[in-house]
Amino acid sequence: AEELAVQVGIRPEYLDRLPHAFSGGQRQRIAIARALSSQPDVIVLDEPTSALDISVQAQILNLLVTLQDNHGLTYVLISHNVSVIRHMSDRVAVMYLGQIVELGEAQQVLTAPAHPY
């Protein structure tokens, strides 16, 4: 637990604290550590930064990139924030009305979308 805490930026001495004692960013870091604890190959990130202020969003996204590199992870990222998608994604699937309407390389899909969504 201590090693995972350090990897996500939580000080080991905080491990005995109750959930209400943590900020939103710290809670997100704890959720990431919990996801890593089972040593997965794939992690689903459902709006991982939506409730965080912009500076904390950047910290969490950079942490996720670092962890992806260090652990060889694949992320399935669900987000409405195009900036987050642009920063995090190699490939993008765009859903509209519950259907995938576009799928491809992130740069292509984000700069020249083929669907009028």
Protein backbone atom coordinates (compact mmCIF):
# COMPACT_ATOMS: atom_id res chain seq x y z
CA ALA A 1 0.00 0.00 0.00
CA GLU A 2 2.81 2.40 0.83
CA GLU A 3 4.52 1.81 -2.52
CA LEU A 4 1.29 2.49 -4.43
CA ALA A 5 0.63 5.58 -2.32
CA VAL A 6 4.05 6.98 -3.20
CA GLN A 7 3.57 6.15 -6.90
CA VAL A 8 0.39 8.23 -7.03
CA GLY A 9 1.71 11.09 -4.89
CA ILE A 10 0.12 10.30 -1.53
CA ARG A 11 2.39 10.44 1.51
CA PRO A 12 2.49 7.06 3.31
CA GLU A 13 1.70 8.68 6.67
CA TYR A 14 -1.72 9.65 5.23
CA LEU A 15 -2.78 6.01 4.80
CA ASP A 16 -4.57 5.92 8.17
CA ARG A 17 -6.73 8.97 7.43
CA LEU A 18 -10.45 8.71 6.79
CA PRO A 19 -11.83 9.60 3.32
CA HIS A 20 -13.30 12.96 4.40
CA ALA A 21 -9.78 14.15 5.30
CA PHE A 22 -8.65 14.11 1.65
CA SER A 23 -9.11 16.68 -1.09
CA GLY A 24 -10.74 15.78 -4.41
CA GLY A 25 -7.36 15.41 -6.09
CA GLN A 26 -6.08 13.20 -3.30
CA ARG A 27 -9.21 11.06 -3.50
CA GLN A 28 -8.66 10.64 -7.22
CA ARG A 29 -5.05 9.59 -6.57
CA ILE A 30 -6.30 7.03 -4.04
CA ALA A 31 -8.80 5.68 -6.59
CA ILE A 32 -5.96 5.33 -9.10
CA ALA A 33 -3.83 3.47 -6.53
CA ARG A 34 -6.74 1.12 -5.82
CA ALA A 35 -7.09 0.41 -9.53
CA LEU A 36 -3.36 -0.31 -9.79
CA SER A 37 -3.37 -2.64 -6.78
CA SER A 38 -4.66 -5.57 -8.85
CA GLN A 39 -1.89 -5.05 -11.45
CA PRO A 40 -4.29 -4.68 -14.40
CA ASP A 41 -3.40 -4.44 -18.06
CA VAL A 42 -6.41 -2.19 -18.78
CA ILE A 43 -8.03 0.53 -16.65
CA VAL A 44 -11.33 2.23 -17.50
CA LEU A 45 -11.16 5.96 -16.74
CA ASP A 46 -14.68 7.40 -16.64
CA GLU A 47 -14.40 11.21 -16.56
CA PRO A 48 -11.27 10.98 -14.36
CA THR A 49 -10.88 14.74 -13.93
CA SER A 50 -14.40 16.14 -14.32
CA ALA A 51 -14.85 17.17 -10.67
CA LEU A 52 -11.38 18.69 -10.28
CA ASP A 53 -10.11 22.23 -10.81
CA ILE A 54 -7.93 22.83 -13.84
CA SER A 55 -4.53 22.71 -12.08
CA VAL A 56 -5.37 19.44 -10.33
CA GLN A 57 -6.74 18.05 -13.61
CA ALA A 58 -3.34 18.59 -15.22
CA GLN A 59 -1.56 16.90 -12.31
CA ILE A 60 -3.85 13.85 -12.48
CA LEU A 61 -3.54 13.56 -16.27
CA ASN A 62 0.25 13.79 -16.08
CA LEU A 63 0.24 11.17 -13.32
CA LEU A 64 -1.87 8.87 -15.50
CA VAL A 65 0.57 9.26 -18.41
CA THR A 66 3.53 8.48 -16.14
CA LEU A 67 1.81 5.43 -14.66
CA GLN A 68 0.86 4.24 -18.15
CA ASP A 69 4.51 4.40 -19.21
CA ASN A 70 5.81 2.79 -16.00
CA HIS A 71 3.26 -0.04 -15.87
CA GLY A 72 2.56 -0.63 -19.56
CA LEU A 73 -1.12 0.16 -19.06
CA THR A 74 -3.88 0.59 -21.59
CA TYR A 75 -6.59 3.10 -20.72
CA VAL A 76 -10.16 3.19 -21.94
CA LEU A 77 -10.94 6.87 -21.40
CA ILE A 78 -14.51 8.14 -21.29
CA SER A 79 -14.74 11.93 -21.41
CA HIS A 80 -16.66 14.86 -22.82
CA ASN A 81 -13.59 17.07 -22.48
CA VAL A 82 -11.84 17.26 -25.85
CA SER A 83 -8.69 18.70 -24.25
CA VAL A 84 -8.43 15.66 -21.98
CA ILE A 85 -8.99 13.32 -24.92
CA ARG A 86 -6.38 15.14 -27.02
CA HIS A 87 -3.82 14.92 -24.18
CA MET A 88 -4.44 11.27 -23.31
CA SER A 89 -5.50 9.41 -26.43
CA ASP A 90 -3.81 7.69 -29.35
CA ARG A 91 -7.09 6.41 -30.80
CA VAL A 92 -10.59 7.79 -30.36
CA ALA A 93 -14.08 6.38 -30.71
CA VAL A 94 -16.80 9.04 -30.85
CA MET A 95 -20.27 8.08 -29.68
CA TYR A 96 -23.43 9.88 -30.68
CA LEU A 97 -26.88 8.78 -29.53
CA GLY A 98 -25.40 5.56 -28.14
CA GLN A 99 -23.62 4.52 -31.33
CA ILE A 100 -19.98 4.76 -32.38
CA VAL A 101 -20.05 7.19 -35.30
CA GLU A 102 -16.33 7.66 -35.75
CA LEU A 103 -13.22 5.66 -34.89
CA GLY A 104 -9.62 6.43 -35.68
CA GLU A 105 -6.34 8.05 -34.76
CA ALA A 106 -6.92 10.84 -32.24
CA GLN A 107 -5.25 13.56 -34.27
CA GLN A 108 -7.28 12.72 -37.38
CA VAL A 109 -10.61 12.45 -35.58
CA LEU A 110 -10.08 15.61 -33.53
CA THR A 111 -8.76 17.83 -36.33
CA ALA A 112 -10.91 16.62 -39.23
CA PRO A 113 -14.02 14.88 -37.93
CA ALA A 114 -16.02 12.96 -40.52
CA HIS A 115 -19.30 13.14 -38.59
CA PRO A 116 -21.22 16.39 -37.87
CA TYR A 117 -21.63 15.65 -34.14
